[in-house]
Amino acid sequence: MSRTVPLFLSGAKVEEGFRSALFDAANRAGITPNEFAIVAAAEKLARCGRTFPGIFRKGDFEMVGFNPAQGTQVGGAV
């Protein structure tokens, strides 16, 4: 059985335009920017063939425009 552990992602500095795009995309997906970033990281890991247990449920990737079954994005860039 896996256990949950904290994931500390604070302290990053980005350009204002990137931050605005991230917050807008997260808002449109109905999730927080942190959740959006975690899903994006999981998407990249899945594309690289990594498998992992976790917090993800069916539909979580599709919510932000990624279909892991097809390995493609849908509805534009994430």
PDB file of N, CA and C in Angstrom:
ATOM      1  N   MET A   1       0.847  -1.177   0.000  1.00  0.00           N
ATOM      2  CA  MET A   1       0.000   0.000   0.000  1.00  0.00           C
ATOM      3  C   MET A   1       0.893   1.240   0.000  1.00  0.00           C
ATOM      4  N   SER A   2       0.578   2.184  -0.876  1.00  0.00           N
ATOM      5  CA  SER A   2       1.371   3.409  -0.917  1.00  0.00           C
ATOM      6  C   SER A   2       0.854   4.386   0.138  1.00  0.00           C
ATOM      7  N   ARG A   3       1.721   5.307   0.496  1.00  0.00           N
ATOM      8  CA  ARG A   3       1.334   6.315   1.483  1.00  0.00           C
ATOM      9  C   ARG A   3       1.504   7.687   0.868  1.00  0.00           C
ATOM     10  N   THR A   4       0.798   8.648   1.388  1.00  0.00           N
ATOM     11  CA  THR A   4       0.918  10.001   0.866  1.00  0.00           C
ATOM     12  C   THR A   4       2.064  10.716   1.554  1.00  0.00           C
ATOM     13  N   VAL A   5       2.736  11.568   0.804  1.00  0.00           N
ATOM     14  CA  VAL A   5       3.844  12.372   1.315  1.00  0.00           C
ATOM     15  C   VAL A   5       3.674  13.793   0.796  1.00  0.00           C
ATOM     16  N   PRO A   6       4.181  14.780   1.513  1.00  0.00           N
ATOM     17  CA  PRO A   6       4.058  16.161   1.037  1.00  0.00           C
ATOM     18  C   PRO A   6       4.903  16.399  -0.217  1.00  0.00           C
ATOM     19  N   LEU A   7       4.436  17.276  -1.059  1.00  0.00           N
ATOM     20  CA  LEU A   7       5.159  17.682  -2.258  1.00  0.00           C
ATOM     21  C   LEU A   7       5.312  19.193  -2.192  1.00  0.00           C
ATOM     22  N   PHE A   8       6.524  19.638  -1.971  1.00  0.00           N
ATOM     23  CA  PHE A   8       6.781  21.073  -1.802  1.00  0.00           C
ATOM     24  C   PHE A   8       7.224  21.671  -3.128  1.00  0.00           C
ATOM     25  N   LEU A   9       6.406  22.548  -3.677  1.00  0.00           N
ATOM     26  CA  LEU A   9       6.691  23.167  -4.969  1.00  0.00           C
ATOM     27  C   LEU A   9       6.740  24.687  -4.882  1.00  0.00           C
ATOM     28  N   SER A  10       7.122  25.216  -3.757  1.00  0.00           N
ATOM     29  CA  SER A  10       7.144  26.669  -3.604  1.00  0.00           C
ATOM     30  C   SER A  10       8.498  27.247  -4.017  1.00  0.00           C
ATOM     31  N   GLY A  11       8.519  28.534  -4.229  1.00  0.00           N
ATOM     32  CA  GLY A  11       9.771  29.234  -4.498  1.00  0.00           C
ATOM     33  C   GLY A  11      10.112  29.418  -5.957  1.00  0.00           C
ATOM     34  N   ALA A  12       9.304  28.896  -6.871  1.00  0.00           N
ATOM     35  CA  ALA A  12       9.603  29.052  -8.293  1.00  0.00           C
ATOM     36  C   ALA A  12       9.304  30.474  -8.736  1.00  0.00           C
ATOM     37  N   LYS A  13      10.129  30.986  -9.628  1.00  0.00           N
ATOM     38  CA  LYS A  13       9.898  32.311 -10.210  1.00  0.00           C
ATOM     39  C   LYS A  13       9.758  32.125 -11.715  1.00  0.00           C
ATOM     40  N   VAL A  14       8.690  32.714 -12.266  1.00  0.00           N
ATOM     41  CA  VAL A  14       8.414  32.621 -13.694  1.00  0.00           C
ATOM     42  C   VAL A  14       8.032  34.005 -14.209  1.00  0.00           C
ATOM     43  N   GLU A  15       8.011  34.143 -15.505  1.00  0.00           N
ATOM     44  CA  GLU A  15       7.564  35.391 -16.116  1.00  0.00           C
ATOM     45  C   GLU A  15       6.072  35.577 -15.854  1.00  0.00           C
ATOM     46  N   GLU A  16       5.639  36.813 -15.799  1.00  0.00           N
ATOM     47  CA  GLU A  16       4.253  37.133 -15.499  1.00  0.00           C
ATOM     48  C   GLU A  16       3.282  36.489 -16.492  1.00  0.00           C
ATOM     49  N   GLY A  17       3.649  36.466 -17.769  1.00  0.00           N
ATOM     50  CA  GLY A  17       2.781  35.873 -18.787  1.00  0.00           C
ATOM     51  C   GLY A  17       2.560  34.385 -18.563  1.00  0.00           C
ATOM     52  N   PHE A  18       3.609  33.663 -18.155  1.00  0.00           N
ATOM     53  CA  PHE A  18       3.468  32.237 -17.866  1.00  0.00           C
ATOM     54  C   PHE A  18       2.546  32.031 -16.674  1.00  0.00           C
ATOM     55  N   ARG A  19       2.747  32.838 -15.642  1.00  0.00           N
ATOM     56  CA  ARG A  19       1.908  32.718 -14.442  1.00  0.00           C
ATOM     57  C   ARG A  19       0.448  32.971 -14.790  1.00  0.00           C
ATOM     58  N   SER A  20       0.186  33.983 -15.592  1.00  0.00           N
ATOM     59  CA  SER A  20      -1.187  34.279 -16.001  1.00  0.00           C
ATOM     60  C   SER A  20      -1.790  33.122 -16.790  1.00  0.00           C
ATOM     61  N   ALA A  21      -1.012  32.555 -17.707  1.00  0.00           N
ATOM     62  CA  ALA A  21      -1.501  31.427 -18.509  1.00  0.00           C
ATOM     63  C   ALA A  21      -1.780  30.214 -17.627  1.00  0.00           C
ATOM     64  N   LEU A  22      -0.908  29.944 -16.657  1.00  0.00           N
ATOM     65  CA  LEU A  22      -1.103  28.824 -15.735  1.00  0.00           C
ATOM     66  C   LEU A  22      -2.367  29.004 -14.905  1.00  0.00           C
ATOM     67  N   PHE A  23      -2.525  30.188 -14.325  1.00  0.00           N
ATOM     68  CA  PHE A  23      -3.710  30.448 -13.503  1.00  0.00           C
ATOM     69  C   PHE A  23      -4.990  30.386 -14.339  1.00  0.00           C
ATOM     70  N   ASP A  24      -4.941  30.900 -15.565  1.00  0.00           N
ATOM     71  CA  ASP A  24      -6.113  30.861 -16.440  1.00  0.00           C
ATOM     72  C   ASP A  24      -6.479  29.420 -16.790  1.00  0.00           C
ATOM     73  N   ALA A  25      -5.493  28.617 -17.179  1.00  0.00           N
ATOM     74  CA  ALA A  25      -5.757  27.221 -17.540  1.00  0.00           C
ATOM     75  C   ALA A  25      -6.286  26.437 -16.342  1.00  0.00           C
ATOM     76  N   ALA A  26      -5.700  26.643 -15.169  1.00  0.00           N
ATOM     77  CA  ALA A  26      -6.169  25.955 -13.966  1.00  0.00           C
ATOM     78  C   ALA A  26      -7.596  26.367 -13.640  1.00  0.00           C
ATOM     79  N   ASN A  27      -7.880  27.651 -13.748  1.00  0.00           N
ATOM     80  CA  ASN A  27      -9.226  28.144 -13.475  1.00  0.00           C
ATOM     81  C   ASN A  27     -10.239  27.528 -14.434  1.00  0.00           C
ATOM     82  N   ARG A  28      -9.889  27.457 -15.703  1.00  0.00           N
ATOM     83  CA  ARG A  28     -10.785  26.866 -16.702  1.00  0.00           C
ATOM     84  C   ARG A  28     -11.014  25.381 -16.437  1.00  0.00           C
ATOM     85  N   ALA A  29     -10.003  24.696 -15.886  1.00  0.00           N
ATOM     86  CA  ALA A  29     -10.128  23.272 -15.563  1.00  0.00           C
ATOM     87  C   ALA A  29     -10.821  23.059 -14.219  1.00  0.00           C
ATOM     88  N   GLY A  30     -11.017  24.137 -13.460  1.00  0.00           N
ATOM     89  CA  GLY A  30     -11.690  24.029 -12.174  1.00  0.00           C
ATOM     90  C   GLY A  30     -10.824  23.455 -11.068  1.00  0.00           C
ATOM     91  N   ILE A  31      -9.507  23.659 -11.194  1.00  0.00           N
ATOM     92  CA  ILE A  31      -8.570  23.156 -10.190  1.00  0.00           C
ATOM     93  C   ILE A  31      -7.591  24.263  -9.819  1.00  0.00           C
ATOM     94  N   THR A  32      -6.808  24.029  -8.769  1.00  0.00           N
ATOM     95  CA  THR A  32      -5.821  25.024  -8.355  1.00  0.00           C
ATOM     96  C   THR A  32      -4.602  24.963  -9.277  1.00  0.00           C
ATOM     97  N   PRO A  33      -3.824  26.043  -9.328  1.00  0.00           N
ATOM     98  CA  PRO A  33      -2.587  26.006 -10.103  1.00  0.00           C
ATOM     99  C   PRO A  33      -1.644  24.872  -9.647  1.00  0.00           C
ATOM    100  N   ASN A  34      -1.589  24.592  -8.352  1.00  0.00           N
ATOM    101  CA  ASN A  34      -0.754  23.484  -7.865  1.00  0.00           C
ATOM    102  C   ASN A  34      -1.241  22.156  -8.416  1.00  0.00           C
ATOM    103  N   GLU A  35      -2.554  21.933  -8.378  1.00  0.00           N
ATOM    104  CA  GLU A  35      -3.101  20.689  -8.918  1.00  0.00           C
ATOM    105  C   GLU A  35      -2.817  20.589 -10.413  1.00  0.00           C
ATOM    106  N   PHE A  36      -2.945  21.706 -11.124  1.00  0.00           N
ATOM    107  CA  PHE A  36      -2.679  21.721 -12.562  1.00  0.00           C
ATOM    108  C   PHE A  36      -1.223  21.328 -12.834  1.00  0.00           C
ATOM    109  N   ALA A  37      -0.298  21.882 -12.043  1.00  0.00           N
ATOM    110  CA  ALA A  37       1.123  21.571 -12.225  1.00  0.00           C
ATOM    111  C   ALA A  37       1.407  20.102 -11.923  1.00  0.00           C
ATOM    112  N   ILE A  38       0.773  19.554 -10.903  1.00  0.00           N
ATOM    113  CA  ILE A  38       0.983  18.146 -10.564  1.00  0.00           C
ATOM    114  C   ILE A  38       0.448  17.243 -11.670  1.00  0.00           C
ATOM    115  N   VAL A  39      -0.734  17.574 -12.209  1.00  0.00           N
ATOM    116  CA  VAL A  39      -1.285  16.782 -13.305  1.00  0.00           C
ATOM    117  C   VAL A  39      -0.373  16.880 -14.529  1.00  0.00           C
ATOM    118  N   ALA A  40       0.158  18.078 -14.800  1.00  0.00           N
ATOM    119  CA  ALA A  40       1.069  18.246 -15.941  1.00  0.00           C
ATOM    120  C   ALA A  40       2.326  17.401 -15.765  1.00  0.00           C
ATOM    121  N   ALA A  41       2.858  17.349 -14.554  1.00  0.00           N
ATOM    122  CA  ALA A  41       4.034  16.512 -14.287  1.00  0.00           C
ATOM    123  C   ALA A  41       3.681  15.040 -14.467  1.00  0.00           C
ATOM    124  N   ALA A  42       2.514  14.637 -13.990  1.00  0.00           N
ATOM    125  CA  ALA A  42       2.083  13.246 -14.141  1.00  0.00           C
ATOM    126  C   ALA A  42       1.890  12.906 -15.614  1.00  0.00           C
ATOM    127  N   GLU A  43       1.344  13.854 -16.372  1.00  0.00           N
ATOM    128  CA  GLU A  43       1.171  13.667 -17.815  1.00  0.00           C
ATOM    129  C   GLU A  43       2.518  13.395 -18.482  1.00  0.00           C
ATOM    130  N   LYS A  44       3.512  14.185 -18.139  1.00  0.00           N
ATOM    131  CA  LYS A  44       4.838  14.004 -18.736  1.00  0.00           C
ATOM    132  C   LYS A  44       5.434  12.653 -18.336  1.00  0.00           C
ATOM    133  N   LEU A  45       5.293  12.283 -17.088  1.00  0.00           N
ATOM    134  CA  LEU A  45       5.780  10.976 -16.642  1.00  0.00           C
ATOM    135  C   LEU A  45       5.078   9.847 -17.395  1.00  0.00           C
ATOM    136  N   ALA A  46       3.766   9.952 -17.583  1.00  0.00           N
ATOM    137  CA  ALA A  46       3.010   8.926 -18.298  1.00  0.00           C
ATOM    138  C   ALA A  46       3.462   8.833 -19.751  1.00  0.00           C
ATOM    139  N   ARG A  47       3.716   9.975 -20.383  1.00  0.00           N
ATOM    140  CA  ARG A  47       4.207   9.977 -21.765  1.00  0.00           C
ATOM    141  C   ARG A  47       5.550   9.266 -21.894  1.00  0.00           C
ATOM    142  N   CYS A  48       6.357   9.356 -20.842  1.00  0.00           N
ATOM    143  CA  CYS A  48       7.681   8.721 -20.847  1.00  0.00           C
ATOM    144  C   CYS A  48       7.596   7.243 -20.469  1.00  0.00           C
ATOM    145  N   GLY A  49       6.370   6.747 -20.263  1.00  0.00           N
ATOM    146  CA  GLY A  49       6.187   5.342 -19.949  1.00  0.00           C
ATOM    147  C   GLY A  49       6.266   5.003 -18.470  1.00  0.00           C
ATOM    148  N   ARG A  50       6.368   6.010 -17.624  1.00  0.00           N
ATOM    149  CA  ARG A  50       6.424   5.761 -16.185  1.00  0.00           C
ATOM    150  C   ARG A  50       5.041   5.397 -15.682  1.00  0.00           C
ATOM    151  N   THR A  51       4.983   4.468 -14.774  1.00  0.00           N
ATOM    152  CA  THR A  51       3.724   4.127 -14.125  1.00  0.00           C
ATOM    153  C   THR A  51       3.875   4.424 -12.649  1.00  0.00           C
ATOM    154  N   PHE A  52       2.786   4.826 -12.028  1.00  0.00           N
ATOM    155  CA  PHE A  52       2.848   5.215 -10.629  1.00  0.00           C
ATOM    156  C   PHE A  52       1.449   5.186 -10.039  1.00  0.00           C
ATOM    157  N   PRO A  53       1.351   4.789  -8.786  1.00  0.00           N
ATOM    158  CA  PRO A  53       0.064   4.929  -8.107  1.00  0.00           C
ATOM    159  C   PRO A  53      -0.079   6.378  -7.698  1.00  0.00           C
ATOM    160  N   GLY A  54      -1.229   6.767  -7.310  1.00  0.00           N
ATOM    161  CA  GLY A  54      -1.333   8.144  -6.858  1.00  0.00           C
ATOM    162  C   GLY A  54      -2.746   8.609  -6.665  1.00  0.00           C
ATOM    163  N   ILE A  55      -2.873   9.907  -6.718  1.00  0.00           N
ATOM    164  CA  ILE A  55      -4.142  10.551  -6.417  1.00  0.00           C
ATOM    165  C   ILE A  55      -5.060  10.600  -7.621  1.00  0.00           C
ATOM    166  N   PHE A  56      -4.606  10.099  -8.760  1.00  0.00           N
ATOM    167  CA  PHE A  56      -5.344  10.287  -9.990  1.00  0.00           C
ATOM    168  C   PHE A  56      -6.479   9.292 -10.143  1.00  0.00           C
ATOM    169  N   ARG A  57      -7.588   9.821 -10.612  1.00  0.00           N
ATOM    170  CA  ARG A  57      -8.771   9.014 -10.895  1.00  0.00           C
ATOM    171  C   ARG A  57      -9.075   9.132 -12.385  1.00  0.00           C
ATOM    172  N   LYS A  58      -9.873   8.210 -12.881  1.00  0.00           N
ATOM    173  CA  LYS A  58     -10.278   8.258 -14.283  1.00  0.00           C
ATOM    174  C   LYS A  58     -10.848   9.643 -14.588  1.00  0.00           C
ATOM    175  N   GLY A  59     -10.352  10.265 -15.635  1.00  0.00           N
ATOM    176  CA  GLY A  59     -10.835  11.579 -16.038  1.00  0.00           C
ATOM    177  C   GLY A  59      -9.964  12.737 -15.589  1.00  0.00           C
ATOM    178  N   ASP A  60      -9.023  12.519 -14.661  1.00  0.00           N
ATOM    179  CA  ASP A  60      -8.189  13.616 -14.180  1.00  0.00           C
ATOM    180  C   ASP A  60      -7.320  14.201 -15.289  1.00  0.00           C
ATOM    181  N   PHE A  61      -6.710  13.357 -16.127  1.00  0.00           N
ATOM    182  CA  PHE A  61      -5.876  13.871 -17.200  1.00  0.00           C
ATOM    183  C   PHE A  61      -6.723  14.559 -18.266  1.00  0.00           C
ATOM    184  N   GLU A  62      -7.853  13.936 -18.610  1.00  0.00           N
ATOM    185  CA  GLU A  62      -8.717  14.507 -19.625  1.00  0.00           C
ATOM    186  C   GLU A  62      -9.216  15.890 -19.215  1.00  0.00           C
ATOM    187  N   MET A  63      -9.343  16.116 -17.907  1.00  0.00           N
ATOM    188  CA  MET A  63      -9.823  17.390 -17.390  1.00  0.00           C
ATOM    189  C   MET A  63      -8.915  18.539 -17.841  1.00  0.00           C
ATOM    190  N   VAL A  64      -7.627  18.278 -18.020  1.00  0.00           N
ATOM    191  CA  VAL A  64      -6.705  19.339 -18.435  1.00  0.00           C
ATOM    192  C   VAL A  64      -6.244  19.162 -19.878  1.00  0.00           C
ATOM    193  N   GLY A  65      -6.946  18.309 -20.640  1.00  0.00           N
ATOM    194  CA  GLY A  65      -6.685  18.208 -22.070  1.00  0.00           C
ATOM    195  C   GLY A  65      -5.727  17.135 -22.508  1.00  0.00           C
ATOM    196  N   PHE A  66      -5.457  16.127 -21.681  1.00  0.00           N
ATOM    197  CA  PHE A  66      -4.532  15.058 -22.063  1.00  0.00           C
ATOM    198  C   PHE A  66      -5.263  13.741 -21.995  1.00  0.00           C
ATOM    199  N   ASN A  67      -5.164  12.951 -23.049  1.00  0.00           N
ATOM    200  CA  ASN A  67      -5.784  11.632 -23.063  1.00  0.00           C
ATOM    201  C   ASN A  67      -4.678  10.589 -22.998  1.00  0.00           C
ATOM    202  N   PRO A  68      -4.367  10.043 -21.805  1.00  0.00           N
ATOM    203  CA  PRO A  68      -3.262   9.110 -21.676  1.00  0.00           C
ATOM    204  C   PRO A  68      -3.452   7.825 -22.470  1.00  0.00           C
ATOM    205  N   ALA A  69      -4.687   7.438 -22.750  1.00  0.00           N
ATOM    206  CA  ALA A  69      -4.927   6.222 -23.522  1.00  0.00           C
ATOM    207  C   ALA A  69      -4.420   6.384 -24.938  1.00  0.00           C
ATOM    208  N   GLN A  70      -4.519   7.591 -25.476  1.00  0.00           N
ATOM    209  CA  GLN A  70      -4.055   7.850 -26.835  1.00  0.00           C
ATOM    210  C   GLN A  70      -2.670   8.478 -26.852  1.00  0.00           C
ATOM    211  N   GLY A  71      -2.219   8.989 -25.712  1.00  0.00           N
ATOM    212  CA  GLY A  71      -0.928   9.647 -25.671  1.00  0.00           C
ATOM    213  C   GLY A  71      -0.913  10.993 -26.367  1.00  0.00           C
ATOM    214  N   THR A  72      -2.086  11.575 -26.532  1.00  0.00           N
ATOM    215  CA  THR A  72      -2.160  12.845 -27.233  1.00  0.00           C
ATOM    216  C   THR A  72      -2.947  13.861 -26.432  1.00  0.00           C
ATOM    217  N   GLN A  73      -2.700  15.101 -26.759  1.00  0.00           N
ATOM    218  CA  GLN A  73      -3.483  16.167 -26.147  1.00  0.00           C
ATOM    219  C   GLN A  73      -4.713  16.390 -26.987  1.00  0.00           C
ATOM    220  N   VAL A  74      -5.768  16.808 -26.318  1.00  0.00           N
ATOM    221  CA  VAL A  74      -6.993  17.152 -27.019  1.00  0.00           C
ATOM    222  C   VAL A  74      -7.383  18.565 -26.639  1.00  0.00           C
ATOM    223  N   GLY A  75      -7.979  19.264 -27.541  1.00  0.00           N
ATOM    224  CA  GLY A  75      -8.461  20.613 -27.218  1.00  0.00           C
ATOM    225  C   GLY A  75      -7.395  21.664 -27.081  1.00  0.00           C
ATOM    226  N   GLY A  76      -6.233  21.478 -27.687  1.00  0.00           N
ATOM    227  CA  GLY A  76      -5.184  22.483 -27.643  1.00  0.00           C
ATOM    228  C   GLY A  76      -4.125  22.176 -26.616  1.00  0.00           C
ATOM    229  N   ALA A  77      -3.147  23.032 -26.541  1.00  0.00           N
ATOM    230  CA  ALA A  77      -2.003  22.827 -25.657  1.00  0.00           C
ATOM    231  C   ALA A  77      -2.430  22.965 -24.209  1.00  0.00           C
ATOM    232  N   VAL A  78      -1.787  22.215 -23.362  1.00  0.00           N
ATOM    233  CA  VAL A  78      -2.038  22.304 -21.926  1.00  0.00           C
ATOM    234  C   VAL A  78      -1.086  23.305 -21.340  1.00  0.00           C
TER     235      VAL A  78
END
